[in-house]
Protein backbone atom coordinates (compact mmCIF):
# COMPACT_ATOMS: atom_id res chain seq x y z
CA MET A 1 53.66 -18.94 14.76
CA HIS A 2 50.22 -17.21 14.76
CA HIS A 3 49.08 -15.55 17.64
CA TYR A 4 45.19 -15.83 18.43
CA PRO A 5 43.59 -13.34 21.03
CA ARG A 6 41.98 -14.62 24.28
CA PRO A 7 38.08 -14.85 23.72
CA ASP A 8 37.65 -12.25 26.52
CA ALA A 9 40.36 -9.74 25.38
CA GLY A 10 39.16 -6.29 25.12
CA ILE A 11 35.82 -6.95 26.79
CA GLU A 12 36.66 -4.00 29.01
CA ASP A 13 37.32 -1.67 26.05
CA ARG A 14 33.87 -2.42 24.39
CA PRO A 15 31.85 0.64 24.03
CA ALA A 16 28.51 0.91 25.98
CA MET A 17 25.41 -0.45 23.79
CA PRO A 18 24.38 2.54 21.83
CA PHE A 19 21.01 1.48 21.42
CA ALA A 20 18.06 1.42 24.09
CA LEU A 21 14.37 1.42 24.27
CA SER A 22 12.61 4.41 25.34
CA PRO A 23 10.70 4.01 28.89
CA ASP A 24 7.55 3.57 27.22
CA ARG A 25 8.97 0.90 24.82
CA GLU A 26 10.66 -0.70 27.75
CA ARG A 27 7.16 -1.51 29.13
CA LYS A 28 5.99 -2.88 26.07
CA LEU A 29 8.74 -5.25 25.91
CA GLN A 30 7.99 -6.43 29.56
CA GLU A 31 4.26 -6.97 28.24
CA ILE A 32 5.57 -8.70 25.13
CA LEU A 33 7.97 -11.25 27.30
CA GLU A 34 4.94 -12.03 29.42
CA ARG A 35 2.67 -12.96 26.47
CA TYR A 36 5.55 -15.33 25.17
CA PRO A 37 6.27 -18.76 26.63
CA THR A 38 10.01 -18.15 25.96
CA LYS A 39 12.45 -15.35 25.30
CA MET A 40 13.19 -16.69 21.62
CA ALA A 41 9.41 -16.44 20.90
CA ALA A 42 9.47 -12.68 21.38
CA THR A 43 12.30 -11.98 18.89
CA LEU A 44 9.84 -10.78 16.01
CA PRO A 45 7.62 -8.46 18.35
CA LEU A 46 10.96 -7.07 19.86
CA LEU A 47 12.47 -6.45 16.49
CA HIS A 48 9.31 -4.70 15.57
CA LEU A 49 9.20 -2.45 18.84
CA CYS A 50 13.02 -1.66 18.14
CA GLN A 51 12.26 -0.61 14.25
CA GLU A 52 9.19 1.43 15.16
CA GLN A 53 11.62 3.54 17.66
CA GLU A 54 14.72 3.44 15.47
CA GLY A 55 13.34 3.22 11.86
CA TYR A 56 15.43 0.45 11.06
CA VAL A 57 17.33 -2.63 12.52
CA GLY A 58 21.19 -1.97 12.42
CA ASP A 59 23.93 -4.00 14.27
CA ASP A 60 23.18 -2.20 17.42
CA VAL A 61 19.49 -3.16 17.40
CA VAL A 62 20.57 -6.75 16.72
CA ALA A 63 23.11 -6.40 19.54
CA PHE A 64 20.50 -5.02 21.89
CA VAL A 65 17.92 -7.89 20.96
CA SER A 66 20.46 -10.66 21.25
CA GLN A 67 21.44 -9.49 24.70
CA ARG A 68 17.97 -8.78 26.03
CA LEU A 69 16.75 -12.22 24.58
CA ASP A 70 19.97 -13.99 25.64
CA LEU A 71 20.14 -15.10 21.95
CA PRO A 72 23.13 -15.45 19.74
CA THR A 73 23.74 -12.63 17.51
CA SER A 74 23.66 -14.88 14.58
CA HIS A 75 20.22 -15.81 15.44
CA VAL A 76 18.84 -12.55 15.55
CA LYS A 77 20.67 -11.55 12.51
CA GLY A 78 19.26 -14.51 10.49
CA VAL A 79 15.89 -13.43 11.47
CA VAL A 80 16.40 -9.90 10.51
CA THR A 81 17.77 -10.71 7.19
CA PHE A 82 15.14 -13.42 6.52
CA TYR A 83 12.07 -11.27 6.86
CA THR A 84 11.57 -8.16 4.57
CA LEU A 85 9.67 -6.38 7.05
CA TYR A 86 12.82 -5.56 8.85
CA ASN A 87 14.80 -2.27 7.26
CA GLN A 88 18.56 -3.18 7.50
CA GLN A 89 19.34 0.55 6.76
CA PRO A 90 17.85 3.83 7.26
CA VAL A 91 14.50 4.22 5.08
CA GLY A 92 12.33 7.12 4.00
CA LYS A 93 9.64 8.62 6.00
CA HIS A 94 7.27 6.64 3.84
CA GLN A 95 7.91 3.15 2.29
CA VAL A 96 5.99 2.37 -0.87
CA TRP A 97 5.66 -1.22 -1.59
CA ILE A 98 4.31 -2.21 -5.13
CA CYS A 99 3.31 -5.67 -5.58
CA ARG A 100 4.86 -7.35 -8.66
CA THR A 101 3.50 -10.87 -8.49
CA LEU A 102 1.62 -12.57 -11.47
CA PRO A 103 -2.04 -11.05 -10.60
CA CYS A 104 -0.37 -7.53 -10.34
CA ALA A 105 1.99 -7.77 -13.17
CA LEU A 106 -1.08 -8.65 -15.48
CA ARG A 107 -3.03 -5.78 -14.45
CA GLY A 108 -0.17 -3.18 -14.47
CA ALA A 109 2.18 -3.40 -11.69
CA TYR A 110 5.47 -2.85 -14.06
CA ASP A 111 3.62 0.29 -15.48
CA VAL A 112 2.94 1.61 -11.70
CA ILE A 113 6.63 0.53 -10.83
CA GLU A 114 8.09 2.87 -13.90
CA HIS A 115 5.46 5.66 -13.15
CA CYS A 116 6.47 5.81 -9.29
CA GLU A 117 10.39 5.76 -10.40
CA ARG A 118 9.64 8.38 -12.83
CA ARG A 119 7.84 10.54 -10.75
CA LEU A 120 10.24 10.01 -7.73
CA GLY A 121 13.45 10.14 -9.65
CA ILE A 122 14.76 7.13 -7.91
CA HIS A 123 14.70 3.27 -8.66
CA CYS A 124 12.97 0.48 -6.50
CA GLY A 125 15.40 0.17 -3.59
CA GLU A 126 16.30 3.60 -3.17
CA THR A 127 15.11 6.53 -1.10
CA THR A 128 14.31 10.13 -2.56
CA PRO A 129 17.09 12.59 -1.79
CA ASP A 130 14.72 14.41 0.71
CA GLY A 131 14.39 11.29 2.87
CA LYS A 132 10.53 11.34 2.19
CA VAL A 133 10.04 7.94 0.13
CA THR A 134 11.54 4.70 -0.12
CA LEU A 135 10.40 2.81 -3.12
CA ARG A 136 10.39 -1.27 -2.90
CA THR A 137 8.54 -3.97 -4.67
CA ALA A 138 7.08 -6.90 -3.13
CA GLU A 139 6.61 -10.60 -4.20
CA CYS A 140 2.81 -10.61 -2.72
CA LEU A 141 0.60 -8.28 -0.54
CA ALA A 142 -2.08 -10.51 -0.72
CA SER A 143 -4.65 -8.21 -2.67
CA CYS A 144 -4.84 -10.08 -6.06
CA GLY A 145 -8.33 -9.75 -6.56
CA THR A 146 -7.63 -5.67 -6.54
CA ALA A 147 -4.68 -5.69 -8.76
CA PRO A 148 -2.41 -3.58 -9.12
CA MET A 149 -1.66 -2.46 -5.73
CA MET A 150 0.62 -0.78 -3.53
CA GLN A 151 1.00 -0.64 0.13
CA VAL A 152 2.14 2.83 1.79
CA ASP A 153 3.46 2.19 5.16
CA LYS A 154 0.52 0.31 6.68
CA ASP A 155 -2.25 1.36 4.19
CA TYR A 156 -3.34 -0.49 1.19
CA TYR A 157 -4.15 1.27 -2.13
CA GLU A 158 -5.78 -0.80 -4.73
CA ASN A 159 -7.29 -0.92 -8.25
CA LEU A 160 -4.35 1.86 -9.15
CA THR A 161 -4.61 4.25 -11.71
CA ARG A 162 -1.85 6.50 -13.18
CA GLU A 163 -3.99 9.53 -11.78
CA ARG A 164 -4.47 7.87 -8.39
CA VAL A 165 -0.59 6.80 -8.09
CA ASP A 166 -0.06 10.55 -8.70
CA GLU A 167 -2.31 11.59 -5.93
CA ILE A 168 -0.77 9.18 -3.47
CA LEU A 169 2.78 10.09 -4.30
CA LYS A 170 1.85 13.90 -4.19
CA GLU A 171 0.37 13.63 -0.75
CA LEU A 172 3.53 11.57 0.62
CA THR A 173 6.01 14.17 -1.00
CA GLU A 174 4.44 17.21 0.12
CA SER A 175 3.84 15.98 3.70
């Protein structure tokens, strides 16, 4: 005979939630909740707020958002895994996204990617050993007329040349 635990078994043994917003971000959360008609509608901005603080959205952040918005963890996890804007693991101090869609590809995006990989000593999807840069590719960064381009954190760099890429990477790795 198979024994199945009661659904409430072990609740008292669960550790306290390890993630909490800072007091300043807690105030921002209240402002967010006032702006949206339902708690569910605040999922994206709350995830951004948490990632801003933590650097990524781990399971503890998913549990926090789920609890604060009265949503199933599966819903929150679905949002996190759907959008590339949410980091699911720790990332470097700077994130470099290189657009690789057709307009950028035709104007040298893959040369930019290879150059960045050589200069940083990593492949796309990896972080430099010093934790300064995570290199990624994007399907479209909506700057087709200025290809090839990359996004570094929140800034766009367009009409890239090898020399300009070197300047950008030098600035990131020396900071």
